[in-house]
Protein backbone atom coordinates (compact mmCIF):
# COMPACT_ATOMS: atom_id res chain seq x y z
CA MET A 1 -57.82 -9.06 48.05
CA ALA A 2 -57.06 -12.64 47.05
CA SER A 3 -53.63 -13.33 45.62
CA ILE A 4 -53.35 -14.72 42.14
CA VAL A 5 -51.75 -18.15 42.15
CA PRO A 6 -50.37 -19.38 38.82
CA THR A 7 -51.82 -22.61 37.58
CA ASP A 8 -49.83 -25.71 36.70
CA GLN A 9 -50.24 -24.98 32.99
CA VAL A 10 -48.76 -21.51 33.34
CA ARG A 11 -45.88 -22.87 35.40
CA ALA A 12 -45.16 -25.51 32.74
CA SER A 13 -45.30 -22.92 29.93
CA VAL A 14 -42.90 -20.57 31.72
CA ALA A 15 -40.53 -23.42 32.56
CA ALA A 16 -40.52 -24.60 28.93
CA ALA A 17 -39.80 -21.08 27.71
CA LEU A 18 -36.94 -20.70 30.17
CA ARG A 19 -35.48 -24.02 29.08
CA GLY A 20 -35.69 -22.95 25.41
CA GLN A 21 -38.13 -25.70 24.48
CA ARG A 22 -40.63 -23.35 22.91
CA ARG A 23 -39.82 -22.90 19.25
CA ASP A 24 -40.62 -19.85 17.19
CA LEU A 25 -41.54 -21.60 13.96
CA ALA A 26 -42.36 -18.38 12.11
CA GLY A 27 -39.04 -16.80 13.12
CA GLN A 28 -37.06 -19.88 12.11
CA ALA A 29 -38.85 -20.03 8.76
CA PHE A 30 -38.03 -16.36 8.13
CA GLN A 31 -34.40 -16.96 9.08
CA LEU A 32 -34.16 -19.90 6.67
CA ALA A 33 -35.72 -17.79 3.91
CA LEU A 34 -33.12 -15.06 4.48
CA LEU A 35 -30.32 -17.64 4.44
CA ALA A 36 -31.65 -19.13 1.19
CA THR A 37 -31.78 -15.66 -0.38
CA LEU A 38 -28.17 -15.03 0.66
CA LEU A 39 -27.02 -18.35 -0.79
CA VAL A 40 -28.84 -17.72 -4.08
CA SER A 41 -27.29 -14.24 -4.36
CA LEU A 42 -23.82 -15.59 -3.63
CA GLY A 43 -24.36 -18.40 -6.11
CA VAL A 44 -25.29 -15.97 -8.89
CA LEU A 45 -22.29 -13.76 -8.06
CA VAL A 46 -19.84 -16.68 -7.97
CA THR A 47 -21.24 -18.03 -11.25
CA LEU A 48 -20.81 -14.69 -13.00
CA LEU A 49 -17.27 -14.32 -11.65
CA TRP A 50 -16.40 -17.86 -12.71
CA ILE A 51 -17.66 -17.27 -16.26
CA THR A 52 -15.90 -13.90 -16.51
CA ILE A 53 -12.58 -15.26 -15.24
CA GLY A 54 -12.84 -18.28 -17.57
CA ASP A 55 -13.39 -16.02 -20.58
CA ALA A 56 -10.66 -13.57 -19.56
CA LEU A 57 -7.84 -16.01 -18.85
CA PRO A 58 -7.12 -16.84 -22.54
CA VAL A 59 -6.58 -13.12 -23.22
CA PHE A 60 -4.08 -12.76 -20.39
CA ARG A 61 -2.34 -16.02 -21.36
CA ALA A 62 -1.91 -14.83 -24.93
CA ARG A 63 -1.07 -11.18 -24.29
CA GLY A 64 -0.07 -10.89 -20.64
CA ALA A 65 0.57 -7.35 -19.45
CA ASP A 66 0.28 -6.07 -23.04
CA PHE A 67 -3.50 -6.01 -22.60
CA ILE A 68 -3.13 -3.52 -19.75
CA THR A 69 -0.47 -1.36 -21.42
CA SER A 70 -2.07 -1.19 -24.89
CA SER A 71 -4.33 1.63 -26.06
CA THR A 72 -7.79 1.35 -27.56
CA SER A 73 -7.89 -0.26 -31.00
CA ALA A 74 -10.45 -1.26 -33.58
CA LEU A 75 -8.92 -4.76 -33.63
CA PRO A 76 -9.72 -7.08 -30.71
CA ALA A 77 -6.26 -8.66 -30.85
CA ARG A 78 -4.65 -5.26 -30.22
CA ALA A 79 -7.23 -3.52 -28.02
CA GLY A 80 -6.11 -2.68 -24.49
CA VAL A 81 -7.34 -0.81 -21.44
CA ARG A 82 -4.44 1.55 -20.71
CA GLN A 83 -6.33 4.71 -21.64
CA GLY A 84 -9.43 3.63 -19.74
CA LEU A 85 -7.46 2.68 -16.63
CA ILE A 86 -5.57 5.98 -16.61
CA GLY A 87 -8.84 7.84 -17.18
CA SER A 88 -10.53 6.09 -14.25
CA ILE A 89 -7.60 6.92 -11.98
CA ILE A 90 -7.76 10.60 -12.99
CA LEU A 91 -11.52 10.68 -12.42
CA ALA A 92 -11.03 9.07 -9.00
CA GLY A 93 -8.53 11.85 -8.31
CA PHE A 94 -11.33 14.40 -8.75
CA VAL A 95 -13.30 12.52 -6.09
CA ALA A 96 -10.30 12.59 -3.74
CA VAL A 97 -9.68 16.30 -4.32
CA PHE A 98 -13.24 17.64 -4.35
CA ALA A 99 -15.87 15.20 -3.08
CA ILE A 100 -14.07 13.81 -0.02
CA PRO A 101 -12.84 17.11 1.55
CA LEU A 102 -16.05 19.02 0.78
CA GLY A 103 -18.28 16.13 1.83
CA THR A 104 -16.39 15.59 5.08
CA ALA A 105 -16.42 19.30 5.93
CA SER A 106 -20.16 19.50 5.19
CA ALA A 107 -20.83 16.52 7.46
CA ILE A 108 -18.83 18.06 10.31
CA TYR A 109 -20.74 21.32 10.00
CA LEU A 110 -24.18 19.70 9.82
CA GLN A 111 -23.51 17.32 12.71
CA GLU A 112 -21.34 19.38 15.06
CA TYR A 113 -22.03 23.05 14.37
CA ALA A 114 -25.43 23.52 12.69
CA ARG A 115 -28.47 23.96 14.90
CA ASP A 116 -31.46 21.67 14.68
CA THR A 117 -33.64 24.04 12.67
CA ARG A 118 -36.24 23.41 10.02
CA VAL A 119 -33.92 24.66 7.30
CA ASN A 120 -31.11 22.29 8.34
CA ARG A 121 -33.50 19.34 8.58
CA LEU A 122 -34.75 20.15 5.07
CA LEU A 123 -31.15 20.35 3.86
CA ILE A 124 -30.28 16.94 5.31
CA ALA A 125 -33.44 15.44 3.81
CA ASN A 126 -32.46 16.77 0.38
CA ILE A 127 -28.97 15.28 0.74
CA ARG A 128 -30.52 11.91 1.54
CA ASN A 129 -32.70 12.22 -1.54
CA LEU A 130 -29.69 13.10 -3.71
CA ALA A 131 -27.93 9.93 -2.56
CA GLY A 132 -30.74 7.92 -4.14
CA VAL A 133 -31.04 9.86 -7.41
CA PRO A 134 -30.13 7.77 -10.51
CA SER A 135 -26.66 8.52 -11.81
CA VAL A 136 -27.96 9.45 -15.25
CA VAL A 137 -29.62 12.52 -13.69
CA PHE A 138 -26.22 13.68 -12.49
CA GLY A 139 -24.96 13.06 -16.01
CA ILE A 140 -27.59 15.43 -17.38
CA LEU A 141 -26.61 17.99 -14.73
CA GLY A 142 -22.94 17.68 -15.70
CA LEU A 143 -23.78 18.01 -19.39
CA ILE A 144 -25.75 21.23 -18.85
CA VAL A 145 -23.54 22.88 -16.21
CA PHE A 146 -19.97 21.73 -16.88
CA ALA A 147 -19.98 20.68 -20.54
CA GLN A 148 -22.16 23.50 -21.90
CA THR A 149 -22.40 26.42 -19.49
CA LEU A 150 -18.78 26.25 -18.34
CA ARG A 151 -17.27 25.02 -21.58
CA SER A 152 -14.85 27.97 -21.66
CA VAL A 153 -13.25 26.49 -18.53
CA THR A 154 -13.75 22.75 -18.87
CA GLY A 155 -12.61 22.46 -22.50
CA PRO A 156 -12.42 25.51 -24.75
CA GLY A 157 -10.43 23.76 -27.49
CA GLY A 158 -10.80 20.65 -29.59
CA GLY A 159 -13.63 19.30 -31.67
CA LYS A 160 -15.95 18.79 -28.67
CA PRO A 161 -15.64 21.80 -26.35
CA GLY A 162 -16.59 21.08 -22.74
CA LEU A 163 -16.42 17.29 -23.05
CA SER A 164 -13.28 16.68 -21.05
CA TYR A 165 -11.78 15.23 -17.88
CA LEU A 166 -12.89 18.34 -16.01
CA SER A 167 -16.55 17.81 -16.91
CA GLY A 168 -16.46 14.09 -16.17
CA GLY A 169 -14.48 14.42 -12.95
CA LEU A 170 -16.63 17.19 -11.51
CA THR A 171 -19.78 15.26 -12.42
CA ILE A 172 -18.53 12.13 -10.65
CA ALA A 173 -17.45 14.21 -7.63
CA ILE A 174 -20.95 15.68 -7.27
CA LEU A 175 -22.45 12.22 -7.77
CA VAL A 176 -20.63 10.64 -4.82
CA MET A 177 -20.60 13.66 -2.50
CA PRO A 178 -23.98 12.87 -0.85
CA ILE A 179 -22.66 9.40 0.04
CA VAL A 180 -19.60 10.91 1.72
CA ILE A 181 -21.75 13.39 3.65
CA LEU A 182 -24.26 10.84 4.91
CA VAL A 183 -21.75 8.19 5.94
CA SER A 184 -19.57 10.80 7.66
CA MET A 185 -22.58 12.18 9.53
CA GLU A 186 -23.50 8.70 10.74
CA ALA A 187 -19.93 8.14 11.93
CA LEU A 188 -19.97 11.45 13.81
CA ARG A 189 -23.38 10.68 15.28
CA ALA A 190 -22.04 7.38 16.64
CA VAL A 191 -19.50 9.18 18.84
CA PRO A 192 -20.67 8.85 22.48
CA PRO A 193 -21.98 12.15 23.92
CA SER A 194 -19.99 11.48 27.09
CA LEU A 195 -16.78 11.97 25.09
CA ARG A 196 -17.83 15.48 24.12
CA GLU A 197 -19.07 16.28 27.63
CA ALA A 198 -15.78 15.16 29.17
CA ALA A 199 -13.82 17.39 26.80
CA TYR A 200 -16.08 20.37 27.47
CA GLY A 201 -15.75 19.68 31.18
CA VAL A 202 -12.00 20.31 31.12
CA GLY A 203 -12.43 23.58 29.26
CA ALA A 204 -11.93 22.56 25.63
CA THR A 205 -13.45 24.69 22.90
CA ARG A 206 -15.77 23.26 20.28
CA TRP A 207 -13.01 23.17 17.69
CA GLU A 208 -10.70 21.35 20.11
CA VAL A 209 -13.42 18.84 20.90
CA VAL A 210 -14.08 18.16 17.23
CA ARG A 211 -10.42 18.04 16.21
CA SER A 212 -8.92 16.06 19.09
CA HIS A 213 -11.78 13.86 20.27
CA VAL A 214 -14.68 13.51 17.84
CA LEU A 215 -12.80 13.16 14.55
CA PRO A 216 -10.28 10.54 15.75
CA TYR A 217 -13.14 8.45 17.16
CA ALA A 218 -15.25 8.78 13.99
CA ALA A 219 -12.40 8.46 11.48
CA PRO A 220 -12.77 4.68 10.84
CA GLY A 221 -16.45 5.11 10.00
CA MET A 222 -15.71 8.11 7.81
CA PHE A 223 -13.15 6.07 5.89
CA THR A 224 -16.03 3.75 5.03
CA GLY A 225 -17.67 6.61 3.16
CA VAL A 226 -14.42 7.21 1.31
CA ILE A 227 -14.28 3.54 0.28
CA LEU A 228 -17.87 3.61 -1.01
CA ALA A 229 -17.27 6.85 -2.88
CA MET A 230 -14.10 5.64 -4.60
CA ALA A 231 -15.69 2.32 -5.54
CA ARG A 232 -18.70 4.02 -7.08
CA ALA A 233 -16.52 6.54 -8.91
CA PHE A 234 -14.55 3.70 -10.49
CA GLY A 235 -17.68 1.84 -11.61
CA GLU A 236 -19.89 4.61 -13.02
CA THR A 237 -20.65 4.66 -16.75
CA ALA A 238 -23.93 6.43 -17.53
CA PRO A 239 -23.01 9.97 -16.39
CA LEU A 240 -19.66 9.77 -18.17
CA LEU A 241 -21.34 8.84 -21.45
CA LEU A 242 -23.45 11.98 -21.19
CA VAL A 243 -20.47 14.24 -20.53
CA GLY A 244 -18.43 13.00 -23.45
CA ALA A 245 -16.43 9.93 -22.43
CA ALA A 246 -15.14 8.36 -25.65
CA THR A 247 -16.59 4.96 -26.55
CA GLY A 248 -14.42 4.32 -29.59
CA PHE A 249 -10.83 4.76 -30.72
CA PHE A 250 -9.17 8.07 -29.98
CA SER A 251 -5.57 9.20 -29.80
CA SER A 252 -3.79 10.78 -26.85
CA PRO A 253 -1.04 12.99 -28.30
CA GLY A 254 2.07 13.42 -26.19
CA GLY A 255 3.77 16.61 -25.13
CA ARG A 256 0.68 18.09 -23.52
CA GLY A 257 0.63 19.89 -20.19
CA PRO A 258 -1.67 18.99 -17.28
CA ILE A 259 -4.22 21.66 -18.23
CA ASP A 260 -4.37 20.44 -21.83
CA ILE A 261 -4.87 16.87 -20.65
CA LEU A 262 -7.69 17.82 -18.28
CA GLN A 263 -9.40 19.84 -21.01
CA GLY A 264 -8.97 17.15 -23.67
CA SER A 265 -10.82 14.02 -24.72
CA TYR A 266 -10.99 11.16 -22.24
CA THR A 267 -12.40 7.75 -21.53
CA SER A 268 -12.73 5.44 -18.53
CA LEU A 269 -12.52 1.74 -17.89
CA PRO A 270 -16.30 1.20 -17.47
CA THR A 271 -16.87 3.18 -20.66
CA GLN A 272 -14.43 0.96 -22.54
CA ILE A 273 -16.20 -2.13 -21.21
CA PHE A 274 -19.49 -0.67 -22.44
CA SER A 275 -17.90 -0.13 -25.86
CA PHE A 276 -16.41 -3.64 -26.00
CA ALA A 277 -19.71 -5.24 -24.97
CA GLY A 278 -21.54 -3.54 -27.85
CA LYS A 279 -19.31 -5.14 -30.49
CA PRO A 280 -19.64 -8.65 -31.98
CA ALA A 281 -19.39 -11.21 -29.21
CA GLY A 282 -17.03 -13.54 -31.05
CA ALA A 283 -13.58 -12.04 -30.66
CA TRP A 284 -14.68 -9.14 -28.45
CA GLY A 285 -16.35 -11.30 -25.78
CA ALA A 286 -13.06 -12.42 -24.28
CA VAL A 287 -11.69 -8.86 -24.45
CA THR A 288 -14.77 -7.60 -22.61
CA SER A 289 -14.34 -10.21 -19.86
CA ALA A 290 -10.66 -9.33 -19.51
CA ALA A 291 -11.52 -5.64 -19.15
CA ILE A 292 -14.16 -6.49 -16.52
CA LEU A 293 -11.56 -8.46 -14.59
CA VAL A 294 -9.15 -5.52 -14.69
CA LEU A 295 -11.91 -3.25 -13.38
CA LEU A 296 -12.68 -5.64 -10.52
CA VAL A 297 -9.03 -5.85 -9.55
CA ALA A 298 -8.69 -2.05 -9.67
CA ILE A 299 -11.75 -1.55 -7.44
CA LEU A 300 -10.52 -4.17 -4.99
CA ALA A 301 -7.09 -2.52 -4.91
CA VAL A 302 -8.57 0.91 -4.17
CA ASN A 303 -10.79 -0.57 -1.45
CA ALA A 304 -7.86 -2.48 0.04
CA ILE A 305 -5.75 0.68 0.27
CA ALA A 306 -8.60 2.58 1.93
CA ILE A 307 -9.24 -0.27 4.38
CA LEU A 308 -5.54 -0.46 5.30
CA LEU A 309 -5.45 3.28 5.93
CA ARG A 310 -8.60 3.04 8.03
CA ASN A 311 -7.27 0.16 10.14
CA ARG A 312 -3.91 1.86 10.62
CA TYR A 313 -5.59 5.09 11.72
CA GLU A 314 -7.89 3.17 14.05
CA ARG A 315 -4.95 1.38 15.70
CA LYS A 316 -3.08 4.66 16.06
CA TRP A 317 -5.88 6.26 18.02
């Protein structure tokens, strides 16, 4: 059988490819298109931030910290974001207490303990679908379940029974829980199988493997889910409007206990921004921009704390 001898043209083509002289024009064009899209997106974001900061600075120059420490008011010169900021922090506390522990535990069970059955695959598929459901749907769920069905628990007193911190916080916790589960499962799935096999090889039980080997390795990735959950909890508006977040002036009487506060009227920073934006743009435009800037700083602060904790935990292990 005669051997196949490459021709001079084939030799030249292979040599050019090895030397990097052959250019992938289609690939380079696609790369340039992606870069242009990135630059346009960043340009729009920077422009919006620049306009917002420019409109907000006069408010902070004139009022300083008084804008942050003042309550809601019908007058733009006296309106502040204290109640909304405190409300957002309390709502984020519901996420930290309910969504993060339950979501993390669910991810550990589904990834490390549950068998690969049809029921479990269907359950994971439904969790993925819930992560993409619009937030207003969760608002309707919270209105029906927490604000109406469980009104004797979430807010039996007041003029609007059931429309309270408990309803809003539990709604937000359910909203972000699928994100925590999915990101935690991906972090657990990224742990090398050899790490588990080595632990089993020295006689460790499944719980010891998960506690001492898998979780420390996956913790930085799981903290990413916590960051995403807290950021989304701080920025949500639509579900809170459905479960009774106040959009106008309301008073917060003192002398109340923790239960009375959680069962009473509430608002949040995004809800206040929504309320400010719906008023005449003249005097309220600058107030709206200042509130947006406070929200951005609060979200960045929460993310920074979570990132610092993640990096510290990663260095420790």
